[in-house]
C-alpha atoms as a PDB file:
ATOM      1  CA  UNK A   1      -1.203 -49.213  -3.464  1.00  0.00           C
ATOM      2  CA  UNK A   2       2.111 -47.300  -2.831  1.00  0.00           C
ATOM      3  CA  UNK A   3       1.468 -45.198  -6.400  1.00  0.00           C
ATOM      4  CA  UNK A   4      -1.737 -44.532  -4.784  1.00  0.00           C
ATOM      5  CA  UNK A   5      -0.907 -43.294  -1.575  1.00  0.00           C
ATOM      6  CA  UNK A   6       2.012 -41.364  -3.090  1.00  0.00           C
ATOM      7  CA  UNK A   7      -0.951 -39.779  -5.337  1.00  0.00           C
ATOM      8  CA  UNK A   8      -3.280 -38.964  -2.534  1.00  0.00           C
ATOM      9  CA  UNK A   9      -0.426 -37.479  -0.745  1.00  0.00           C
ATOM     10  CA  UNK A  10       0.101 -35.170  -3.505  1.00  0.00           C
ATOM     11  CA  UNK A  11      -3.428 -34.019  -3.837  1.00  0.00           C
ATOM     12  CA  UNK A  12      -3.416 -33.193  -0.050  1.00  0.00           C
ATOM     13  CA  UNK A  13      -0.336 -31.078  -0.703  1.00  0.00           C
ATOM     14  CA  UNK A  14      -1.800 -29.013  -3.561  1.00  0.00           C
ATOM     15  CA  UNK A  15      -5.088 -28.636  -1.463  1.00  0.00           C
ATOM     16  CA  UNK A  16      -3.279 -27.275   1.059  1.00  0.00           C
ATOM     17  CA  UNK A  17      -1.694 -24.736  -0.955  1.00  0.00           C
ATOM     18  CA  UNK A  18      -4.456 -23.728  -2.385  1.00  0.00           C
ATOM     19  CA  UNK A  19      -6.209 -23.448   0.927  1.00  0.00           C
ATOM     20  CA  UNK A  20      -3.238 -21.371   1.911  1.00  0.00           C
ATOM     21  CA  UNK A  21      -4.534 -18.549  -0.663  1.00  0.00           C
ATOM     22  CA  UNK A  22      -6.136 -15.682   0.924  1.00  0.00           C
ATOM     23  CA  UNK A  23      -9.967 -14.917   0.243  1.00  0.00           C
ATOM     24  CA  UNK A  24     -12.271 -12.410   1.143  1.00  0.00           C
ATOM     25  CA  UNK A  25     -15.372 -13.935   3.227  1.00  0.00           C
ATOM     26  CA  UNK A  26     -17.432 -11.088   3.019  1.00  0.00           C
ATOM     27  CA  UNK A  27     -18.950  -8.213   0.934  1.00  0.00           C
ATOM     28  CA  UNK A  28     -17.163  -4.908   1.124  1.00  0.00           C
ATOM     29  CA  UNK A  29     -18.533  -2.835   3.899  1.00  0.00           C
ATOM     30  CA  UNK A  30     -18.446   0.968   4.909  1.00  0.00           C
ATOM     31  CA  UNK A  31     -16.472   1.815   7.333  1.00  0.00           C
ATOM     32  CA  UNK A  32     -15.527   5.250   7.125  1.00  0.00           C
ATOM     33  CA  UNK A  33     -17.939   7.712   5.158  1.00  0.00           C
ATOM     34  CA  UNK A  34     -16.655  10.958   3.373  1.00  0.00           C
ATOM     35  CA  UNK A  35     -18.064  14.592   4.285  1.00  0.00           C
ATOM     36  CA  UNK A  36     -16.247  17.583   2.571  1.00  0.00           C
ATOM     37  CA  UNK A  37     -13.957  15.702   0.775  1.00  0.00           C
ATOM     38  CA  UNK A  38     -13.056  12.633  -0.253  1.00  0.00           C
ATOM     39  CA  UNK A  39     -11.309  10.196   1.686  1.00  0.00           C
ATOM     40  CA  UNK A  40      -7.809   7.806   0.426  1.00  0.00           C
ATOM     41  CA  UNK A  41      -4.808   6.178   1.447  1.00  0.00           C
ATOM     42  CA  UNK A  42      -5.937   4.138   4.316  1.00  0.00           C
ATOM     43  CA  UNK A  43      -3.113   3.340   6.670  1.00  0.00           C
ATOM     44  CA  UNK A  44      -3.323   0.768   9.970  1.00  0.00           C
ATOM     45  CA  UNK A  45      -1.652   1.350  12.859  1.00  0.00           C
ATOM     46  CA  UNK A  46       0.660  -1.202  13.758  1.00  0.00           C
ATOM     47  CA  UNK A  47      -1.313  -3.127  16.204  1.00  0.00           C
ATOM     48  CA  UNK A  48      -4.372  -2.809  14.243  1.00  0.00           C
ATOM     49  CA  UNK A  49      -6.200  -1.049  16.563  1.00  0.00           C
ATOM     50  CA  UNK A  50      -6.631   2.218  14.450  1.00  0.00           C
ATOM     51  CA  UNK A  51      -6.341   3.629  10.786  1.00  0.00           C
ATOM     52  CA  UNK A  52      -5.678   6.703   9.184  1.00  0.00           C
ATOM     53  CA  UNK A  53      -6.899   8.197   6.060  1.00  0.00           C
ATOM     54  CA  UNK A  54      -6.077  11.287   4.197  1.00  0.00           C
ATOM     55  CA  UNK A  55      -8.252  13.558   2.029  1.00  0.00           C
ATOM     56  CA  UNK A  56      -7.942  14.890  -1.597  1.00  0.00           C
ATOM     57  CA  UNK A  57      -4.585  15.637  -2.998  1.00  0.00           C
ATOM     58  CA  UNK A  58      -3.267  13.987   0.602  1.00  0.00           C
ATOM     59  CA  UNK A  59      -4.831  16.804   2.378  1.00  0.00           C
ATOM     60  CA  UNK A  60      -4.802  16.753   6.243  1.00  0.00           C
ATOM     61  CA  UNK A  61      -4.818  13.260   7.990  1.00  0.00           C
ATOM     62  CA  UNK A  62      -7.976  11.607  10.069  1.00  0.00           C
ATOM     63  CA  UNK A  63      -7.929   8.750  12.312  1.00  0.00           C
ATOM     64  CA  UNK A  64     -10.479   6.440  13.394  1.00  0.00           C
ATOM     65  CA  UNK A  65     -10.514   3.403  15.773  1.00  0.00           C
ATOM     66  CA  UNK A  66     -10.351  -0.301  13.554  1.00  0.00           C
ATOM     67  CA  UNK A  67     -14.441  -0.527  13.521  1.00  0.00           C
ATOM     68  CA  UNK A  68     -14.517   2.704  11.597  1.00  0.00           C
ATOM     69  CA  UNK A  69     -15.718   4.745  15.432  1.00  0.00           C
ATOM     70  CA  UNK A  70     -14.344   7.929  16.548  1.00  0.00           C
ATOM     71  CA  UNK A  71     -13.339   9.429  13.490  1.00  0.00           C
ATOM     72  CA  UNK A  72     -11.211  12.281  14.238  1.00  0.00           C
ATOM     73  CA  UNK A  73      -9.123  15.060  11.942  1.00  0.00           C
ATOM     74  CA  UNK A  74      -5.788  15.420  13.391  1.00  0.00           C
ATOM     75  CA  UNK A  75      -3.647  17.312  10.552  1.00  0.00           C
ATOM     76  CA  UNK A  76      -5.146  19.586   8.106  1.00  0.00           C
ATOM     77  CA  UNK A  77      -1.507  20.310   6.223  1.00  0.00           C
ATOM     78  CA  UNK A  78      -0.893  20.244   2.558  1.00  0.00           C
ATOM     79  CA  UNK A  79       0.585  16.762   1.721  1.00  0.00           C
ATOM     80  CA  UNK A  80       0.484  15.182   4.929  1.00  0.00           C
ATOM     81  CA  UNK A  81      -1.437  12.126   3.753  1.00  0.00           C
ATOM     82  CA  UNK A  82       1.108  11.240   1.047  1.00  0.00           C
ATOM     83  CA  UNK A  83       3.401   8.176   2.240  1.00  0.00           C
ATOM     84  CA  UNK A  84       2.018   8.785   6.025  1.00  0.00           C
ATOM     85  CA  UNK A  85       3.246   5.902   8.121  1.00  0.00           C
ATOM     86  CA  UNK A  86       3.010   5.032  11.627  1.00  0.00           C
ATOM     87  CA  UNK A  87       5.676   5.160  14.368  1.00  0.00           C
ATOM     88  CA  UNK A  88       3.481   3.595  16.845  1.00  0.00           C
ATOM     89  CA  UNK A  89      -0.019   3.170  17.811  1.00  0.00           C
ATOM     90  CA  UNK A  90      -0.051   6.874  18.857  1.00  0.00           C
ATOM     91  CA  UNK A  91       1.864   8.620  16.432  1.00  0.00           C
ATOM     92  CA  UNK A  92       2.073   9.299  12.887  1.00  0.00           C
ATOM     93  CA  UNK A  93       5.227  10.624  10.607  1.00  0.00           C
ATOM     94  CA  UNK A  94       3.819  12.730   8.179  1.00  0.00           C
ATOM     95  CA  UNK A  95       5.450  14.650   5.452  1.00  0.00           C
ATOM     96  CA  UNK A  96       3.517  18.149   4.731  1.00  0.00           C
ATOM     97  CA  UNK A  97       4.702  21.013   2.514  1.00  0.00           C
ATOM     98  CA  UNK A  98       4.294  24.480   2.026  1.00  0.00           C
ATOM     99  CA  UNK A  99       5.225  26.609  -0.718  1.00  0.00           C
ATOM    100  CA  UNK A 100       7.949  29.244  -0.678  1.00  0.00           C
ATOM    101  CA  UNK A 101       8.588  31.513  -3.646  1.00  0.00           C
ATOM    102  CA  UNK A 102       6.605  29.050  -5.719  1.00  0.00           C
ATOM    103  CA  UNK A 103       8.875  26.083  -4.134  1.00  0.00           C
ATOM    104  CA  UNK A 104       7.724  23.407  -2.181  1.00  0.00           C
ATOM    105  CA  UNK A 105       9.480  23.105   0.772  1.00  0.00           C
ATOM    106  CA  UNK A 106       8.461  19.586   2.825  1.00  0.00           C
ATOM    107  CA  UNK A 107       9.107  19.167   5.862  1.00  0.00           C
ATOM    108  CA  UNK A 108       8.677  15.989   8.748  1.00  0.00           C
ATOM    109  CA  UNK A 109       6.255  16.133  11.476  1.00  0.00           C
ATOM    110  CA  UNK A 110       4.993  13.508  13.792  1.00  0.00           C
ATOM    111  CA  UNK A 111       1.551  13.740  14.941  1.00  0.00           C
ATOM    112  CA  UNK A 112       0.076  12.760  17.860  1.00  0.00           C
ATOM    113  CA  UNK A 113      -3.114  11.044  17.042  1.00  0.00           C
ATOM    114  CA  UNK A 114      -4.426  10.845  20.314  1.00  0.00           C
ATOM    115  CA  UNK A 115      -3.355  14.774  21.812  1.00  0.00           C
ATOM    116  CA  UNK A 116      -3.223  16.226  18.142  1.00  0.00           C
ATOM    117  CA  UNK A 117       0.518  17.421  19.396  1.00  0.00           C
ATOM    118  CA  UNK A 118       2.475  18.122  16.165  1.00  0.00           C
ATOM    119  CA  UNK A 119       6.390  18.240  16.436  1.00  0.00           C
ATOM    120  CA  UNK A 120       8.665  19.160  13.788  1.00  0.00           C
ATOM    121  CA  UNK A 121      11.215  16.425  13.593  1.00  0.00           C
ATOM    122  CA  UNK A 122      12.895  17.791  10.525  1.00  0.00           C
ATOM    123  CA  UNK A 123      12.809  21.339   9.064  1.00  0.00           C
ATOM    124  CA  UNK A 124      11.372  22.230   5.858  1.00  0.00           C
ATOM    125  CA  UNK A 125      13.514  22.042   2.463  1.00  0.00           C
ATOM    126  CA  UNK A 126      13.443  21.938  -1.002  1.00  0.00           C
ATOM    127  CA  UNK A 127      15.355  18.857  -1.795  1.00  0.00           C
ATOM    128  CA  UNK A 128      13.432  16.651   0.463  1.00  0.00           C
ATOM    129  CA  UNK A 129      14.588  13.187   0.792  1.00  0.00           C
ATOM    130  CA  UNK A 130      11.543  10.968   2.586  1.00  0.00           C
ATOM    131  CA  UNK A 131      14.113   7.952   3.818  1.00  0.00           C
ATOM    132  CA  UNK A 132      17.024   9.869   4.804  1.00  0.00           C
ATOM    133  CA  UNK A 133      19.041   7.461   3.235  1.00  0.00           C
ATOM    134  CA  UNK A 134      21.464   8.243   0.476  1.00  0.00           C
ATOM    135  CA  UNK A 135      23.094   5.003  -0.022  1.00  0.00           C
ATOM    136  CA  UNK A 136      24.030   3.649  -3.365  1.00  0.00           C
ATOM    137  CA  UNK A 137      23.215   0.021  -2.576  1.00  0.00           C
ATOM    138  CA  UNK A 138      19.951   1.090  -0.420  1.00  0.00           C
ATOM    139  CA  UNK A 139      17.346  -0.325  -3.449  1.00  0.00           C
ATOM    140  CA  UNK A 140      14.221   0.788  -1.225  1.00  0.00           C
ATOM    141  CA  UNK A 141      15.878   4.467  -0.583  1.00  0.00           C
ATOM    142  CA  UNK A 142      16.292   4.676  -4.316  1.00  0.00           C
ATOM    143  CA  UNK A 143      12.975   3.646  -5.085  1.00  0.00           C
ATOM    144  CA  UNK A 144      11.378   6.212  -2.919  1.00  0.00           C
ATOM    145  CA  UNK A 145      13.610   9.217  -2.896  1.00  0.00           C
ATOM    146  CA  UNK A 146      14.443   8.688  -6.690  1.00  0.00           C
ATOM    147  CA  UNK A 147      11.851   7.144  -8.693  1.00  0.00           C
ATOM    148  CA  UNK A 148      12.699   9.065 -11.876  1.00  0.00           C
ATOM    149  CA  UNK A 149      15.698   7.112 -11.733  1.00  0.00           C
ATOM    150  CA  UNK A 150      15.483   3.945  -9.983  1.00  0.00           C
ATOM    151  CA  UNK A 151      15.270   2.048 -13.102  1.00  0.00           C
ATOM    152  CA  UNK A 152      18.700   3.273 -14.050  1.00  0.00           C
ATOM    153  CA  UNK A 153      20.288   2.957 -11.231  1.00  0.00           C
ATOM    154  CA  UNK A 154      19.017  -0.161  -9.610  1.00  0.00           C
ATOM    155  CA  UNK A 155      20.801  -2.953 -11.776  1.00  0.00           C
ATOM    156  CA  UNK A 156      18.326  -5.720 -11.769  1.00  0.00           C
ATOM    157  CA  UNK A 157      15.609  -3.155 -13.159  1.00  0.00           C
ATOM    158  CA  UNK A 158      18.086  -1.791 -16.217  1.00  0.00           C
ATOM    159  CA  UNK A 159      15.780  -3.047 -19.015  1.00  0.00           C
ATOM    160  CA  UNK A 160      12.935  -0.360 -17.652  1.00  0.00           C
ATOM    161  CA  UNK A 161      15.267   2.453 -17.748  1.00  0.00           C
ATOM    162  CA  UNK A 162      13.450   5.749 -17.906  1.00  0.00           C
ATOM    163  CA  UNK A 163      10.501   4.200 -16.302  1.00  0.00           C
ATOM    164  CA  UNK A 164       9.303   5.661 -13.069  1.00  0.00           C
ATOM    165  CA  UNK A 165       9.444   3.206  -9.803  1.00  0.00           C
ATOM    166  CA  UNK A 166       6.233   3.767  -7.719  1.00  0.00           C
ATOM    167  CA  UNK A 167       4.655   2.756  -4.335  1.00  0.00           C
ATOM    168  CA  UNK A 168       7.332   0.806  -3.187  1.00  0.00           C
ATOM    169  CA  UNK A 169       6.576  -1.739  -0.035  1.00  0.00           C
ATOM    170  CA  UNK A 170       8.618  -3.601   2.279  1.00  0.00           C
ATOM    171  CA  UNK A 171       7.260  -6.988   3.208  1.00  0.00           C
ATOM    172  CA  UNK A 172       6.538  -7.665   6.980  1.00  0.00           C
ATOM    173  CA  UNK A 173      10.139  -9.688   7.428  1.00  0.00           C
ATOM    174  CA  UNK A 174      11.949  -6.826   5.276  1.00  0.00           C
ATOM    175  CA  UNK A 175      13.117  -9.451   2.907  1.00  0.00           C
ATOM    176  CA  UNK A 176      11.420  -8.320  -0.475  1.00  0.00           C
ATOM    177  CA  UNK A 177       9.663  -5.417  -2.268  1.00  0.00           C
ATOM    178  CA  UNK A 178       6.735  -4.954  -4.126  1.00  0.00           C
ATOM    179  CA  UNK A 179       6.604  -2.079  -6.577  1.00  0.00           C
ATOM    180  CA  UNK A 180       5.268  -0.808  -9.585  1.00  0.00           C
ATOM    181  CA  UNK A 181       7.194   0.171 -12.552  1.00  0.00           C
ATOM    182  CA  UNK A 182       4.798   2.604 -14.839  1.00  0.00           C
ATOM    183  CA  UNK A 183       2.910   1.078 -17.862  1.00  0.00           C
ATOM    184  CA  UNK A 184       4.914  -2.179 -16.864  1.00  0.00           C
ATOM    185  CA  UNK A 185       3.009  -3.621 -13.827  1.00  0.00           C
ATOM    186  CA  UNK A 186       3.624  -4.828 -10.345  1.00  0.00           C
ATOM    187  CA  UNK A 187       7.255  -6.267  -9.290  1.00  0.00           C
ATOM    188  CA  UNK A 188       8.771  -8.268  -6.347  1.00  0.00           C
ATOM    189  CA  UNK A 189      12.153  -8.380  -5.612  1.00  0.00           C
ATOM    190  CA  UNK A 190      14.512  -9.137  -3.026  1.00  0.00           C
ATOM    191  CA  UNK A 191      15.301  -6.124  -0.847  1.00  0.00           C
ATOM    192  CA  UNK A 192      18.659  -5.818  -2.506  1.00  0.00           C
ATOM    193  CA  UNK A 193      17.108  -5.720  -5.789  1.00  0.00           C
ATOM    194  CA  UNK A 194      17.830  -9.306  -7.049  1.00  0.00           C
ATOM    195  CA  UNK A 195      15.261 -12.237  -7.978  1.00  0.00           C
ATOM    196  CA  UNK A 196      13.119  -9.634  -9.485  1.00  0.00           C
ATOM    197  CA  UNK A 197       9.742 -11.254 -10.667  1.00  0.00           C
ATOM    198  CA  UNK A 198       6.882  -9.511 -12.704  1.00  0.00           C
ATOM    199  CA  UNK A 199       3.358 -10.478 -10.752  1.00  0.00           C
ATOM    200  CA  UNK A 200       1.131  -9.044 -13.405  1.00  0.00           C
ATOM    201  CA  UNK A 201      -0.855  -5.697 -13.867  1.00  0.00           C
ATOM    202  CA  UNK A 202      -1.284  -3.972 -10.537  1.00  0.00           C
ATOM    203  CA  UNK A 203      -0.800  -0.838  -8.270  1.00  0.00           C
ATOM    204  CA  UNK A 204      -0.781   0.244  -4.925  1.00  0.00           C
ATOM    205  CA  UNK A 205       0.825  -3.110  -3.140  1.00  0.00           C
ATOM    206  CA  UNK A 206       0.163  -3.680   0.338  1.00  0.00           C
ATOM    207  CA  UNK A 207       1.621  -7.199   1.528  1.00  0.00           C
ATOM    208  CA  UNK A 208       0.080 -10.574   3.702  1.00  0.00           C
ATOM    209  CA  UNK A 209       1.383 -10.808   6.941  1.00  0.00           C
ATOM    210  CA  UNK A 210       2.612 -14.581   5.544  1.00  0.00           C
ATOM    211  CA  UNK A 211       5.298 -12.241   3.158  1.00  0.00           C
ATOM    212  CA  UNK A 212       4.027 -14.579   0.417  1.00  0.00           C
ATOM    213  CA  UNK A 213       0.897 -12.924  -0.752  1.00  0.00           C
ATOM    214  CA  UNK A 214       0.470  -9.139  -2.125  1.00  0.00           C
ATOM    215  CA  UNK A 215      -2.917  -7.132  -2.492  1.00  0.00           C
ATOM    216  CA  UNK A 216      -3.207  -4.719  -5.633  1.00  0.00           C
ATOM    217  CA  UNK A 217      -5.697  -3.131  -7.038  1.00  0.00           C
ATOM    218  CA  UNK A 218      -5.916  -2.991 -10.994  1.00  0.00           C
ATOM    219  CA  UNK A 219      -7.675   0.465 -12.208  1.00  0.00           C
ATOM    220  CA  UNK A 220      -8.910   1.013 -15.553  1.00  0.00           C
ATOM    221  CA  UNK A 221      -9.117   4.503 -16.776  1.00  0.00           C
ATOM    222  CA  UNK A 222     -10.184   6.159 -20.064  1.00  0.00           C
ATOM    223  CA  UNK A 223      -7.053   8.572 -19.983  1.00  0.00           C
ATOM    224  CA  UNK A 224      -9.560  10.921 -18.128  1.00  0.00           C
ATOM    225  CA  UNK A 225     -10.785   9.302 -14.909  1.00  0.00           C
ATOM    226  CA  UNK A 226     -10.925   5.684 -13.384  1.00  0.00           C
ATOM    227  CA  UNK A 227     -13.601   3.742 -14.504  1.00  0.00           C
ATOM    228  CA  UNK A 228     -13.446   0.255 -13.108  1.00  0.00           C
ATOM    229  CA  UNK A 229     -10.758  -1.366 -10.577  1.00  0.00           C
ATOM    230  CA  UNK A 230     -10.682  -4.890  -8.305  1.00  0.00           C
ATOM    231  CA  UNK A 231      -8.749  -5.856  -5.640  1.00  0.00           C
ATOM    232  CA  UNK A 232      -6.379  -8.653  -6.500  1.00  0.00           C
ATOM    233  CA  UNK A 233      -4.248 -11.246  -4.752  1.00  0.00           C
ATOM    234  CA  UNK A 234      -1.009 -12.470  -5.894  1.00  0.00           C
ATOM    235  CA  UNK A 235       1.058 -15.147  -4.257  1.00  0.00           C
ATOM    236  CA  UNK A 236       4.970 -14.167  -5.017  1.00  0.00           C
ATOM    237  CA  UNK A 237       5.565 -17.791  -5.362  1.00  0.00           C
ATOM    238  CA  UNK A 238       3.888 -17.975  -9.086  1.00  0.00           C
ATOM    239  CA  UNK A 239      -0.054 -18.571  -9.916  1.00  0.00           C
ATOM    240  CA  UNK A 240      -2.959 -16.825 -11.347  1.00  0.00           C
ATOM    241  CA  UNK A 241      -4.120 -13.789  -9.325  1.00  0.00           C
ATOM    242  CA  UNK A 242      -7.440 -14.391  -7.575  1.00  0.00           C
ATOM    243  CA  UNK A 243      -9.739 -11.549  -7.979  1.00  0.00           C
ATOM    244  CA  UNK A 244     -11.455 -10.912  -4.362  1.00  0.00           C
ATOM    245  CA  UNK A 245     -13.961  -8.063  -5.620  1.00  0.00           C
ATOM    246  CA  UNK A 246     -14.901  -9.441  -8.374  1.00  0.00           C
ATOM    247  CA  UNK A 247     -18.904  -9.736  -7.534  1.00  0.00           C
ATOM    248  CA  UNK A 248     -19.088  -6.253  -5.912  1.00  0.00           C
ATOM    249  CA  UNK A 249     -20.162  -2.747  -7.356  1.00  0.00           C
ATOM    250  CA  UNK A 250     -16.957  -0.704  -5.624  1.00  0.00           C
ATOM    251  CA  UNK A 251     -13.899   1.216  -7.536  1.00  0.00           C
ATOM    252  CA  UNK A 252     -11.089  -0.015  -5.304  1.00  0.00           C
ATOM    253  CA  UNK A 253      -7.650   2.557  -5.644  1.00  0.00           C
ATOM    254  CA  UNK A 254      -5.470   2.640  -2.527  1.00  0.00           C
ATOM    255  CA  UNK A 255      -5.310  -0.198  -0.351  1.00  0.00           C
ATOM    256  CA  UNK A 256      -4.059  -1.620   3.381  1.00  0.00           C
ATOM    257  CA  UNK A 257      -4.140  -4.986   4.497  1.00  0.00           C
ATOM    258  CA  UNK A 258      -4.573  -4.901   8.913  1.00  0.00           C
ATOM    259  CA  UNK A 259      -1.302  -6.329  10.317  1.00  0.00           C
ATOM    260  CA  UNK A 260      -3.149  -9.570  11.453  1.00  0.00           C
ATOM    261  CA  UNK A 261      -4.468  -9.881   7.535  1.00  0.00           C
ATOM    262  CA  UNK A 262      -7.805 -10.286   8.276  1.00  0.00           C
ATOM    263  CA  UNK A 263      -9.140  -7.575   6.648  1.00  0.00           C
ATOM    264  CA  UNK A 264      -8.249  -5.258   3.640  1.00  0.00           C
ATOM    265  CA  UNK A 265      -9.372  -1.398   3.999  1.00  0.00           C
ATOM    266  CA  UNK A 266      -9.244   0.599   0.428  1.00  0.00           C
ATOM    267  CA  UNK A 267     -10.780   3.693  -0.935  1.00  0.00           C
ATOM    268  CA  UNK A 268     -13.734   3.440  -3.107  1.00  0.00           C
ATOM    269  CA  UNK A 269     -13.454   5.934  -6.315  1.00  0.00           C
ATOM    270  CA  UNK A 270     -16.996   5.507  -6.695  1.00  0.00           C
ATOM    271  CA  UNK A 271     -17.849   7.917  -3.537  1.00  0.00           C
ATOM    272  CA  UNK A 272     -15.053   8.592  -2.006  1.00  0.00           C
ATOM    273  CA  UNK A 273     -15.392   6.764   0.833  1.00  0.00           C
ATOM    274  CA  UNK A 274     -13.380   4.078   2.987  1.00  0.00           C
ATOM    275  CA  UNK A 275     -14.410   0.093   2.838  1.00  0.00           C
ATOM    276  CA  UNK A 276     -12.803  -2.924   4.152  1.00  0.00           C
ATOM    277  CA  UNK A 277     -13.508  -6.628   3.251  1.00  0.00           C
ATOM    278  CA  UNK A 278     -13.144  -9.859   5.545  1.00  0.00           C
ATOM    279  CA  UNK A 279     -10.217 -12.014   4.837  1.00  0.00           C
ATOM    280  CA  UNK A 280      -9.337 -15.827   5.784  1.00  0.00           C
ATOM    281  CA  UNK A 281      -7.228 -18.399   4.618  1.00  0.00           C
END
C-alpha cells in the first residue's frame, strides 16, 4: 500500500509539472492590420495596457491599446523601432539614426506615446553603445553592444568564438539571459554568463513571467525568404519544446509575451500583420 501511495504521489507531481507548461488556448487572431507597410517587433508596455510595433526595416513606431484599438504612429524615424523598449506605460526609448557622410549616426530618443513629444537624451554618435555600459564583466551589455565579439569575450561561450550573439533577453527577475548564437541555436545562461544551456533551434526569445519558460520562433528559409515558422515554448529546466502554432497557417518571426503571460503577440510574415494567441498554464 505504501508503494502504491508513493507511486500515486509521483504521478500527481508529474502531472503538476506538465500542467505548469504554458499552452495556447486560441487560434491566432488579428490584432493590428498592416497598411502601407508591414508591422513587426511587437513590444508590450510594462502594465500590458499598450503594445508598440515598428515597420519595415525598423522604420517608425506605432502604438495601440492592448486590444488593438487606437493604432497611432508616434515616430517616423529610421531605425526607431530597432530594440525599442518601454520606460513606463507612457514612454518608449528608441534609437533612431541619421546618415551623415555615409555614416550612421545613432541617438537615444524618448517618445511620449500620448503626446507624441520626443526628447533626445543622448546626442547622435558613430560608435553608439545601446546599453551605455562598458564593463568587461557585464554579460548582457557585451551581448547588446558587442554582438560580433561576445562569444570571444564571454568565457563560457568560447567554444562558439567567432559566431555572433543575437537578441539577448533578460528574464523578468534578472537572473538569466536567453540569446541566440548564429547558426547554433537558442541558449540560456545565468546573468553572469555561467551555466550555459542549449535549448534548441529558436529565435527572438521572449520570457514568460514565471522565469522558467521561453517562447521563441523557429523560422525556416530557402536562402532568400522565410518559408515557414512556428512558435515554440521552451522549458529552461529541460524537456521537449512545445509547438503552440502547429495547427495554424501563420509564419511567426518576432514575438513578445505579455507581462502577465496571458498572450503572445507576433508578426506574421505571411501578411505583415500582428496577431495574438491566448495562453494558459
